[in-house]
PDB file of N, CA and C in Angstrom:
ATOM      1  N   MET A   1      18.215  72.054 158.419  1.00  0.00           N
ATOM      2  CA  MET A   1      17.447  71.877 157.218  1.00  0.00           C
ATOM      3  C   MET A   1      15.947  71.830 157.497  1.00  0.00           C
ATOM      4  N   ILE A   2      15.546  71.136 158.552  1.00  0.00           N
ATOM      5  CA  ILE A   2      14.139  71.191 158.935  1.00  0.00           C
ATOM      6  C   ILE A   2      13.975  72.527 159.640  1.00  0.00           C
ATOM      7  N   ARG A   3      13.159  73.393 159.085  1.00  0.00           N
ATOM      8  CA  ARG A   3      13.123  74.789 159.484  1.00  0.00           C
ATOM      9  C   ARG A   3      12.678  75.022 160.914  1.00  0.00           C
ATOM     10  N   LYS A   4      11.612  74.376 161.325  1.00  0.00           N
ATOM     11  CA  LYS A   4      11.160  74.619 162.681  1.00  0.00           C
ATOM     12  C   LYS A   4      10.286  73.478 163.151  1.00  0.00           C
ATOM     13  N   TYR A   5      10.194  73.405 164.432  1.00  0.00           N
ATOM     14  CA  TYR A   5       9.336  72.415 165.055  1.00  0.00           C
ATOM     15  C   TYR A   5       8.686  73.084 166.253  1.00  0.00           C
ATOM     16  N   LEU A   6       7.383  73.090 166.282  1.00  0.00           N
ATOM     17  CA  LEU A   6       6.656  73.641 167.416  1.00  0.00           C
ATOM     18  C   LEU A   6       6.187  72.501 168.293  1.00  0.00           C
ATOM     19  N   ARG A   7       6.466  72.598 169.568  1.00  0.00           N
ATOM     20  CA  ARG A   7       6.074  71.540 170.495  1.00  0.00           C
ATOM     21  C   ARG A   7       4.548  71.441 170.543  1.00  0.00           C
ATOM     22  N   PRO A   8       4.018  70.274 170.196  1.00  0.00           N
ATOM     23  CA  PRO A   8       2.561  70.118 170.180  1.00  0.00           C
ATOM     24  C   PRO A   8       2.000  69.978 171.595  1.00  0.00           C
ATOM     25  N   GLN A   9       0.718  70.241 171.712  1.00  0.00           N
ATOM     26  CA  GLN A   9       0.037  70.058 172.984  1.00  0.00           C
ATOM     27  C   GLN A   9      -0.934  68.895 172.841  1.00  0.00           C
ATOM     28  N   ALA A  10      -0.788  67.910 173.716  1.00  0.00           N
ATOM     29  CA  ALA A  10      -1.719  66.780 173.815  1.00  0.00           C
ATOM     30  C   ALA A  10      -1.808  65.948 172.534  1.00  0.00           C
ATOM     31  N   THR A  11      -0.681  65.651 171.931  1.00  0.00           N
ATOM     32  CA  THR A  11      -0.673  64.789 170.756  1.00  0.00           C
ATOM     33  C   THR A  11       0.649  64.027 170.690  1.00  0.00           C
ATOM     34  N   TYR A  12       0.659  62.987 169.917  1.00  0.00           N
ATOM     35  CA  TYR A  12       1.887  62.221 169.715  1.00  0.00           C
ATOM     36  C   TYR A  12       2.338  62.323 168.261  1.00  0.00           C
ATOM     37  N   LEU A  13       1.857  63.341 167.566  1.00  0.00           N
ATOM     38  CA  LEU A  13       2.228  63.560 166.174  1.00  0.00           C
ATOM     39  C   LEU A  13       3.008  64.857 166.059  1.00  0.00           C
ATOM     40  N   ALA A  14       4.106  64.814 165.334  1.00  0.00           N
ATOM     41  CA  ALA A  14       4.907  66.012 165.096  1.00  0.00           C
ATOM     42  C   ALA A  14       4.788  66.391 163.623  1.00  0.00           C
ATOM     43  N   TRP A  15       4.632  67.667 163.361  1.00  0.00           N
ATOM     44  CA  TRP A  15       4.600  68.186 162.001  1.00  0.00           C
ATOM     45  C   TRP A  15       5.903  68.920 161.747  1.00  0.00           C
ATOM     46  N   LEU A  16       6.657  68.440 160.777  1.00  0.00           N
ATOM     47  CA  LEU A  16       7.972  68.985 160.469  1.00  0.00           C
ATOM     48  C   LEU A  16       7.919  69.798 159.180  1.00  0.00           C
ATOM     49  N   ASP A  17       8.402  71.022 159.236  1.00  0.00           N
ATOM     50  CA  ASP A  17       8.515  71.872 158.053  1.00  0.00           C
ATOM     51  C   ASP A  17       9.765  71.427 157.295  1.00  0.00           C
ATOM     52  N   VAL A  18       9.564  70.828 156.146  1.00  0.00           N
ATOM     53  CA  VAL A  18      10.677  70.279 155.365  1.00  0.00           C
ATOM     54  C   VAL A  18      10.877  71.011 154.040  1.00  0.00           C
ATOM     55  N   SER A  19      10.416  72.242 153.972  1.00  0.00           N
ATOM     56  CA  SER A  19      10.504  72.982 152.711  1.00  0.00           C
ATOM     57  C   SER A  19      11.947  73.106 152.225  1.00  0.00           C
ATOM     58  N   GLY A  20      12.886  73.309 153.129  1.00  0.00           N
ATOM     59  CA  GLY A  20      14.292  73.404 152.734  1.00  0.00           C
ATOM     60  C   GLY A  20      14.844  72.093 152.221  1.00  0.00           C
ATOM     61  N   VAL A  21      14.398  70.996 152.791  1.00  0.00           N
ATOM     62  CA  VAL A  21      14.858  69.671 152.360  1.00  0.00           C
ATOM     63  C   VAL A  21      14.294  69.361 150.976  1.00  0.00           C
ATOM     64  N   ILE A  22      13.043  69.699 150.757  1.00  0.00           N
ATOM     65  CA  ILE A  22      12.416  69.479 149.449  1.00  0.00           C
ATOM     66  C   ILE A  22      13.239  70.167 148.370  1.00  0.00           C
ATOM     67  N   GLU A  23      13.635  71.389 148.655  1.00  0.00           N
ATOM     68  CA  GLU A  23      14.436  72.144 147.687  1.00  0.00           C
ATOM     69  C   GLU A  23      15.814  71.509 147.498  1.00  0.00           C
ATOM     70  N   LYS A  24      16.466  71.141 148.590  1.00  0.00           N
ATOM     71  CA  LYS A  24      17.831  70.584 148.524  1.00  0.00           C
ATOM     72  C   LYS A  24      17.904  69.292 147.725  1.00  0.00           C
ATOM     73  N   VAL A  25      16.906  68.409 147.869  1.00  0.00           N
ATOM     74  CA  VAL A  25      16.949  67.121 147.169  1.00  0.00           C
ATOM     75  C   VAL A  25      16.267  67.166 145.806  1.00  0.00           C
ATOM     76  N   GLY A  26      15.723  68.322 145.439  1.00  0.00           N
ATOM     77  CA  GLY A  26      15.064  68.447 144.138  1.00  0.00           C
ATOM     78  C   GLY A  26      13.751  67.688 144.055  1.00  0.00           C
ATOM     79  N   ALA A  27      13.057  67.572 145.180  1.00  0.00           N
ATOM     80  CA  ALA A  27      11.824  66.786 145.212  1.00  0.00           C
ATOM     81  C   ALA A  27      10.702  67.418 144.397  1.00  0.00           C
ATOM     82  N   GLY A  28      10.666  68.739 144.322  1.00  0.00           N
ATOM     83  CA  GLY A  28       9.626  69.404 143.527  1.00  0.00           C
ATOM     84  C   GLY A  28       9.748  69.066 142.055  1.00  0.00           C
ATOM     85  N   GLU A  29      10.965  69.144 141.554  1.00  0.00           N
ATOM     86  CA  GLU A  29      11.206  68.843 140.137  1.00  0.00           C
ATOM     87  C   GLU A  29      10.956  67.366 139.844  1.00  0.00           C
ATOM     88  N   GLN A  30      11.408  66.505 140.748  1.00  0.00           N
ATOM     89  CA  GLN A  30      11.207  65.069 140.543  1.00  0.00           C
ATOM     90  C   GLN A  30       9.719  64.721 140.573  1.00  0.00           C
ATOM     91  N   ALA A  31       8.966  65.339 141.464  1.00  0.00           N
ATOM     92  CA  ALA A  31       7.523  65.089 141.531  1.00  0.00           C
ATOM     93  C   ALA A  31       6.847  65.515 140.233  1.00  0.00           C
ATOM     94  N   ALA A  32       7.249  66.666 139.695  1.00  0.00           N
ATOM     95  CA  ALA A  32       6.676  67.142 138.429  1.00  0.00           C
ATOM     96  C   ALA A  32       6.980  66.170 137.296  1.00  0.00           C
ATOM     97  N   ARG A  33       8.235  65.675 137.245  1.00  0.00           N
ATOM     98  CA  ARG A  33       8.605  64.708 136.198  1.00  0.00           C
ATOM     99  C   ARG A  33       7.787  63.424 136.314  1.00  0.00           C
ATOM    100  N   GLU A  34       7.687  62.894 137.543  1.00  0.00           N
ATOM    101  CA  GLU A  34       6.949  61.644 137.736  1.00  0.00           C
ATOM    102  C   GLU A  34       5.469  61.812 137.420  1.00  0.00           C
ATOM    103  N   THR A  35       4.908  62.948 137.782  1.00  0.00           N
ATOM    104  CA  THR A  35       3.495  63.214 137.493  1.00  0.00           C
ATOM    105  C   THR A  35       3.269  63.252 135.985  1.00  0.00           C
ATOM    106  N   LYS A  36       4.185  63.878 135.277  1.00  0.00           N
ATOM    107  CA  LYS A  36       4.082  64.008 133.815  1.00  0.00           C
ATOM    108  C   LYS A  36       4.132  62.641 133.125  1.00  0.00           C
ATOM    109  N   LEU A  37       4.930  61.724 133.679  1.00  0.00           N
ATOM    110  CA  LEU A  37       5.122  60.411 133.056  1.00  0.00           C
ATOM    111  C   LEU A  37       4.016  59.406 133.385  1.00  0.00           C
ATOM    112  N   GLN A  38       3.252  59.665 134.419  1.00  0.00           N
ATOM    113  CA  GLN A  38       2.255  58.673 134.825  1.00  0.00           C
ATOM    114  C   GLN A  38       0.914  58.905 134.140  1.00  0.00           C
ATOM    115  N   ASP A  39       0.032  57.946 134.276  1.00  0.00           N
ATOM    116  CA  ASP A  39      -1.319  58.015 133.742  1.00  0.00           C
ATOM    117  C   ASP A  39      -2.023  59.241 134.324  1.00  0.00           C
ATOM    118  N   ALA A  40      -2.649  60.033 133.459  1.00  0.00           N
ATOM    119  CA  ALA A  40      -3.307  61.273 133.882  1.00  0.00           C
ATOM    120  C   ALA A  40      -4.469  61.044 134.847  1.00  0.00           C
ATOM    121  N   SER A  41      -4.980  59.820 134.909  1.00  0.00           N
ATOM    122  CA  SER A  41      -6.097  59.546 135.813  1.00  0.00           C
ATOM    123  C   SER A  41      -5.642  59.375 137.264  1.00  0.00           C
ATOM    124  N   LYS A  42      -4.331  59.243 137.460  1.00  0.00           N
ATOM    125  CA  LYS A  42      -3.793  59.081 138.812  1.00  0.00           C
ATOM    126  C   LYS A  42      -3.544  60.450 139.449  1.00  0.00           C
ATOM    127  N   PRO A  43      -3.605  60.512 140.777  1.00  0.00           N
ATOM    128  CA  PRO A  43      -3.317  61.790 141.435  1.00  0.00           C
ATOM    129  C   PRO A  43      -1.849  62.188 141.243  1.00  0.00           C
ATOM    130  N   ALA A  44      -1.608  63.485 141.270  1.00  0.00           N
ATOM    131  CA  ALA A  44      -0.252  64.004 141.073  1.00  0.00           C
ATOM    132  C   ALA A  44       0.690  63.508 142.168  1.00  0.00           C
ATOM    133  N   VAL A  45       1.930  63.285 141.781  1.00  0.00           N
ATOM    134  CA  VAL A  45       2.983  62.965 142.740  1.00  0.00           C
ATOM    135  C   VAL A  45       3.395  64.286 143.382  1.00  0.00           C
ATOM    136  N   THR A  46       3.499  64.305 144.701  1.00  0.00           N
ATOM    137  CA  THR A  46       3.856  65.540 145.402  1.00  0.00           C
ATOM    138  C   THR A  46       5.317  65.500 145.857  1.00  0.00           C
ATOM    139  N   PRO A  47       5.897  66.654 146.092  1.00  0.00           N
ATOM    140  CA  PRO A  47       7.265  66.674 146.618  1.00  0.00           C
ATOM    141  C   PRO A  47       7.380  65.913 147.946  1.00  0.00           C
ATOM    142  N   GLU A  48       6.331  65.950 148.739  1.00  0.00           N
ATOM    143  CA  GLU A  48       6.348  65.238 150.018  1.00  0.00           C
ATOM    144  C   GLU A  48       6.402  63.727 149.809  1.00  0.00           C
ATOM    145  N   MET A  49       5.775  63.228 148.757  1.00  0.00           N
ATOM    146  CA  MET A  49       5.851  61.797 148.439  1.00  0.00           C
ATOM    147  C   MET A  49       7.281  61.410 148.069  1.00  0.00           C
ATOM    148  N   ILE A  50       7.936  62.284 147.298  1.00  0.00           N
ATOM    149  CA  ILE A  50       9.333  62.036 146.930  1.00  0.00           C
ATOM    150  C   ILE A  50      10.194  62.050 148.184  1.00  0.00           C
ATOM    151  N   LEU A  51       9.959  62.999 149.061  1.00  0.00           N
ATOM    152  CA  LEU A  51      10.739  63.111 150.293  1.00  0.00           C
ATOM    153  C   LEU A  51      10.477  61.937 151.231  1.00  0.00           C
ATOM    154  N   GLU A  52       9.263  61.422 151.225  1.00  0.00           N
ATOM    155  CA  GLU A  52       8.953  60.222 152.018  1.00  0.00           C
ATOM    156  C   GLU A  52       9.894  59.083 151.614  1.00  0.00           C
ATOM    157  N   ARG A  53      10.021  58.865 150.315  1.00  0.00           N
ATOM    158  CA  ARG A  53      10.919  57.811 149.822  1.00  0.00           C
ATOM    159  C   ARG A  53      12.373  58.116 150.161  1.00  0.00           C
ATOM    160  N   TRP A  54      12.748  59.391 150.067  1.00  0.00           N
ATOM    161  CA  TRP A  54      14.124  59.794 150.364  1.00  0.00           C
ATOM    162  C   TRP A  54      14.481  59.467 151.810  1.00  0.00           C
ATOM    163  N   PHE A  55      13.595  59.806 152.749  1.00  0.00           N
ATOM    164  CA  PHE A  55      13.871  59.516 154.158  1.00  0.00           C
ATOM    165  C   PHE A  55      13.921  58.014 154.429  1.00  0.00           C
ATOM    166  N   VAL A  56      13.091  57.237 153.765  1.00  0.00           N
ATOM    167  CA  VAL A  56      13.140  55.781 153.940  1.00  0.00           C
ATOM    168  C   VAL A  56      14.477  55.242 153.434  1.00  0.00           C
ATOM    169  N   GLU A  57      14.875  55.691 152.254  1.00  0.00           N
ATOM    170  CA  GLU A  57      16.118  55.193 151.651  1.00  0.00           C
ATOM    171  C   GLU A  57      17.360  55.673 152.396  1.00  0.00           C
ATOM    172  N   LYS A  58      17.413  56.943 152.709  1.00  0.00           N
ATOM    173  CA  LYS A  58      18.638  57.538 153.266  1.00  0.00           C
ATOM    174  C   LYS A  58      18.726  57.460 154.794  1.00  0.00           C
ATOM    175  N   ALA A  59      17.574  57.474 155.483  1.00  0.00           N
ATOM    176  CA  ALA A  59      17.598  57.513 156.949  1.00  0.00           C
ATOM    177  C   ALA A  59      16.920  56.307 157.598  1.00  0.00           C
ATOM    178  N   LYS A  60      16.273  55.472 156.782  1.00  0.00           N
ATOM    179  CA  LYS A  60      15.539  54.312 157.307  1.00  0.00           C
ATOM    180  C   LYS A  60      14.443  54.754 158.269  1.00  0.00           C
ATOM    181  N   VAL A  61      13.823  55.913 157.957  1.00  0.00           N
ATOM    182  CA  VAL A  61      12.746  56.473 158.765  1.00  0.00           C
ATOM    183  C   VAL A  61      11.564  56.726 157.840  1.00  0.00           C
ATOM    184  N   HIS A  62      10.392  56.289 158.266  1.00  0.00           N
ATOM    185  CA  HIS A  62       9.186  56.499 157.466  1.00  0.00           C
ATOM    186  C   HIS A  62       8.360  57.608 158.093  1.00  0.00           C
ATOM    187  N   LEU A  63       8.213  58.696 157.338  1.00  0.00           N
ATOM    188  CA  LEU A  63       7.374  59.821 157.734  1.00  0.00           C
ATOM    189  C   LEU A  63       6.196  59.866 156.781  1.00  0.00           C
ATOM    190  N   ASN A  64       5.105  60.459 157.212  1.00  0.00           N
ATOM    191  CA  ASN A  64       3.929  60.589 156.354  1.00  0.00           C
ATOM    192  C   ASN A  64       3.950  61.930 155.632  1.00  0.00           C
ATOM    193  N   PRO A  65       3.685  61.931 154.318  1.00  0.00           N
ATOM    194  CA  PRO A  65       3.656  63.190 153.571  1.00  0.00           C
ATOM    195  C   PRO A  65       2.510  64.076 154.072  1.00  0.00           C
ATOM    196  N   GLY A  66       2.842  65.297 154.426  1.00  0.00           N
ATOM    197  CA  GLY A  66       1.824  66.223 154.913  1.00  0.00           C
ATOM    198  C   GLY A  66       0.762  66.517 153.873  1.00  0.00           C
ATOM    199  N   SER A  67       1.143  66.508 152.594  1.00  0.00           N
ATOM    200  CA  SER A  67       0.187  66.815 151.526  1.00  0.00           C
ATOM    201  C   SER A  67      -0.957  65.808 151.471  1.00  0.00           C
ATOM    202  N   SER A  68      -0.759  64.620 152.007  1.00  0.00           N
ATOM    203  CA  SER A  68      -1.850  63.638 151.998  1.00  0.00           C
ATOM    204  C   SER A  68      -2.938  63.981 153.016  1.00  0.00           C
ATOM    205  N   TYR A  69      -2.691  64.999 153.844  1.00  0.00           N
ATOM    206  CA  TYR A  69      -3.678  65.446 154.838  1.00  0.00           C
ATOM    207  C   TYR A  69      -4.348  66.744 154.417  1.00  0.00           C
ATOM    208  N   GLY A  70      -4.133  67.177 153.189  1.00  0.00           N
ATOM    209  CA  GLY A  70      -4.766  68.387 152.682  1.00  0.00           C
ATOM    210  C   GLY A  70      -3.731  69.423 152.276  1.00  0.00           C
ATOM    211  N   THR A  71      -4.208  70.507 151.679  1.00  0.00           N
ATOM    212  CA  THR A  71      -3.299  71.520 151.149  1.00  0.00           C
ATOM    213  C   THR A  71      -2.463  72.190 152.239  1.00  0.00           C
ATOM    214  N   GLY A  72      -2.935  72.255 153.460  1.00  0.00           N
ATOM    215  CA  GLY A  72      -2.163  72.832 154.553  1.00  0.00           C
ATOM    216  C   GLY A  72      -0.944  72.004 154.915  1.00  0.00           C
ATOM    217  N   GLY A  73      -0.880  70.775 154.445  1.00  0.00           N
ATOM    218  CA  GLY A  73       0.245  69.904 154.763  1.00  0.00           C
ATOM    219  C   GLY A  73       1.393  69.988 153.780  1.00  0.00           C
ATOM    220  N   ALA A  74       1.247  70.812 152.755  1.00  0.00           N
ATOM    221  CA  ALA A  74       2.319  70.957 151.768  1.00  0.00           C
ATOM    222  C   ALA A  74       3.605  71.400 152.451  1.00  0.00           C
ATOM    223  N   ALA A  75       4.732  70.824 152.031  1.00  0.00           N
ATOM    224  CA  ALA A  75       6.072  71.124 152.554  1.00  0.00           C
ATOM    225  C   ALA A  75       6.237  70.701 154.011  1.00  0.00           C
ATOM    226  N   HIS A  76       5.414  69.764 154.448  1.00  0.00           N
ATOM    227  CA  HIS A  76       5.507  69.234 155.814  1.00  0.00           C
ATOM    228  C   HIS A  76       5.470  67.707 155.781  1.00  0.00           C
ATOM    229  N   MET A  77       6.051  67.115 156.796  1.00  0.00           N
ATOM    230  CA  MET A  77       5.969  65.672 156.998  1.00  0.00           C
ATOM    231  C   MET A  77       5.436  65.453 158.403  1.00  0.00           C
ATOM    232  N   ARG A  78       4.657  64.388 158.562  1.00  0.00           N
ATOM    233  CA  ARG A  78       4.111  64.050 159.871  1.00  0.00           C
ATOM    234  C   ARG A  78       4.926  62.907 160.448  1.00  0.00           C
ATOM    235  N   MET A  79       5.389  63.085 161.676  1.00  0.00           N
ATOM    236  CA  MET A  79       6.175  62.060 162.364  1.00  0.00           C
ATOM    237  C   MET A  79       5.392  61.583 163.570  1.00  0.00           C
ATOM    238  N   ASN A  80       5.185  60.283 163.658  1.00  0.00           N
ATOM    239  CA  ASN A  80       4.488  59.680 164.784  1.00  0.00           C
ATOM    240  C   ASN A  80       5.489  59.472 165.912  1.00  0.00           C
ATOM    241  N   LEU A  81       5.220  60.069 167.062  1.00  0.00           N
ATOM    242  CA  LEU A  81       6.105  59.974 168.216  1.00  0.00           C
ATOM    243  C   LEU A  81       5.587  58.981 169.250  1.00  0.00           C
ATOM    244  N   GLY A  82       4.611  58.172 168.867  1.00  0.00           N
ATOM    245  CA  GLY A  82       3.999  57.212 169.794  1.00  0.00           C
ATOM    246  C   GLY A  82       4.851  55.965 169.971  1.00  0.00           C
ATOM    247  N   THR A  83       6.078  56.123 170.428  1.00  0.00           N
ATOM    248  CA  THR A  83       6.990  55.005 170.656  1.00  0.00           C
ATOM    249  C   THR A  83       7.962  55.405 171.759  1.00  0.00           C
ATOM    250  N   SER A  84       8.945  54.590 172.003  1.00  0.00           N
ATOM    251  CA  SER A  84       9.902  54.873 173.074  1.00  0.00           C
ATOM    252  C   SER A  84      10.818  56.038 172.706  1.00  0.00           C
ATOM    253  N   ARG A  85      11.331  56.703 173.713  1.00  0.00           N
ATOM    254  CA  ARG A  85      12.292  57.786 173.492  1.00  0.00           C
ATOM    255  C   ARG A  85      13.532  57.271 172.765  1.00  0.00           C
ATOM    256  N   LYS A  86      13.906  56.035 173.057  1.00  0.00           N
ATOM    257  CA  LYS A  86      15.084  55.441 172.419  1.00  0.00           C
ATOM    258  C   LYS A  86      14.894  55.347 170.904  1.00  0.00           C
ATOM    259  N   LEU A  87      13.716  54.901 170.458  1.00  0.00           N
ATOM    260  CA  LEU A  87      13.448  54.799 169.020  1.00  0.00           C
ATOM    261  C   LEU A  87      13.321  56.169 168.368  1.00  0.00           C
ATOM    262  N   ILE A  88      12.728  57.114 169.080  1.00  0.00           N
ATOM    263  CA  ILE A  88      12.625  58.474 168.544  1.00  0.00           C
ATOM    264  C   ILE A  88      14.021  59.061 168.369  1.00  0.00           C
ATOM    265  N   ALA A  89      14.877  58.872 169.370  1.00  0.00           N
ATOM    266  CA  ALA A  89      16.251  59.382 169.282  1.00  0.00           C
ATOM    267  C   ALA A  89      16.984  58.748 168.108  1.00  0.00           C
ATOM    268  N   LYS A  90      16.804  57.457 167.900  1.00  0.00           N
ATOM    269  CA  LYS A  90      17.453  56.752 166.784  1.00  0.00           C
ATOM    270  C   LYS A  90      16.958  57.317 165.445  1.00  0.00           C
ATOM    271  N   ALA A  91      15.654  57.527 165.331  1.00  0.00           N
ATOM    272  CA  ALA A  91      15.092  58.082 164.097  1.00  0.00           C
ATOM    273  C   ALA A  91      15.647  59.479 163.838  1.00  0.00           C
ATOM    274  N   LEU A  92      15.701  60.308 164.867  1.00  0.00           N
ATOM    275  CA  LEU A  92      16.215  61.666 164.701  1.00  0.00           C
ATOM    276  C   LEU A  92      17.699  61.659 164.362  1.00  0.00           C
ATOM    277  N   ASP A  93      18.459  60.761 164.980  1.00  0.00           N
ATOM    278  CA  ASP A  93      19.875  60.634 164.647  1.00  0.00           C
ATOM    279  C   ASP A  93      20.062  60.219 163.196  1.00  0.00           C
ATOM    280  N   ASN A  94      19.250  59.262 162.740  1.00  0.00           N
ATOM    281  CA  ASN A  94      19.341  58.806 161.345  1.00  0.00           C
ATOM    282  C   ASN A  94      18.976  59.936 160.381  1.00  0.00           C
ATOM    283  N   MET A  95      17.926  60.692 160.721  1.00  0.00           N
ATOM    284  CA  MET A  95      17.523  61.799 159.869  1.00  0.00           C
ATOM    285  C   MET A  95      18.618  62.864 159.829  1.00  0.00           C
ATOM    286  N   SER A  96      19.189  63.162 160.968  1.00  0.00           N
ATOM    287  CA  SER A  96      20.249  64.165 161.041  1.00  0.00           C
ATOM    288  C   SER A  96      21.455  63.749 160.204  1.00  0.00           C
ATOM    289  N   ALA A  97      21.841  62.483 160.296  1.00  0.00           N
ATOM    290  CA  ALA A  97      22.978  61.986 159.517  1.00  0.00           C
ATOM    291  C   ALA A  97      22.703  62.065 158.022  1.00  0.00           C
ATOM    292  N   ALA A  98      21.495  61.709 157.613  1.00  0.00           N
ATOM    293  CA  ALA A  98      21.143  61.780 156.188  1.00  0.00           C
ATOM    294  C   ALA A  98      21.141  63.209 155.704  1.00  0.00           C
ATOM    295  N   LEU A  99      20.597  64.117 156.494  1.00  0.00           N
ATOM    296  CA  LEU A  99      20.539  65.524 156.097  1.00  0.00           C
ATOM    297  C   LEU A  99      21.924  66.153 156.068  1.00  0.00           C
ATOM    298  N   ALA A 100      22.805  65.699 156.930  1.00  0.00           N
ATOM    299  CA  ALA A 100      24.172  66.241 156.971  1.00  0.00           C
ATOM    300  C   ALA A 100      24.945  65.935 155.691  1.00  0.00           C
ATOM    301  N   LYS A 101      24.525  64.908 154.963  1.00  0.00           N
ATOM    302  CA  LYS A 101      25.204  64.514 153.725  1.00  0.00           C
ATOM    303  C   LYS A 101      24.770  65.337 152.521  1.00  0.00           C
ATOM    304  N   LEU A 102      23.773  66.187 152.704  1.00  0.00           N
ATOM    305  CA  LEU A 102      23.288  67.002 151.569  1.00  0.00           C
ATOM    306  C   LEU A 102      24.235  68.143 151.259  1.00  0.00           C
TER     307      LEU A 102
END
């Protein structure tokens, strides 16, 4: 479901292409609905924001919405890898299990 991952050079941040996941969970439509219902003075809800909540709820993993880093971050999530391999493996296992249920 996560389309690709390119091994970064000299960083502890991973950028994950989650465009397929956004589509599978209906995050684009949900973001549009939430944006429509909220005060117009607030910034639009993005599909990545919806997916951020989805990963917290379903996988107990907090990723950062790529859209919060600019338009180039759309359909991406940022994962901080600055921790132990054991915790990274646990996060990836949790994400994999949640995605397998889609």
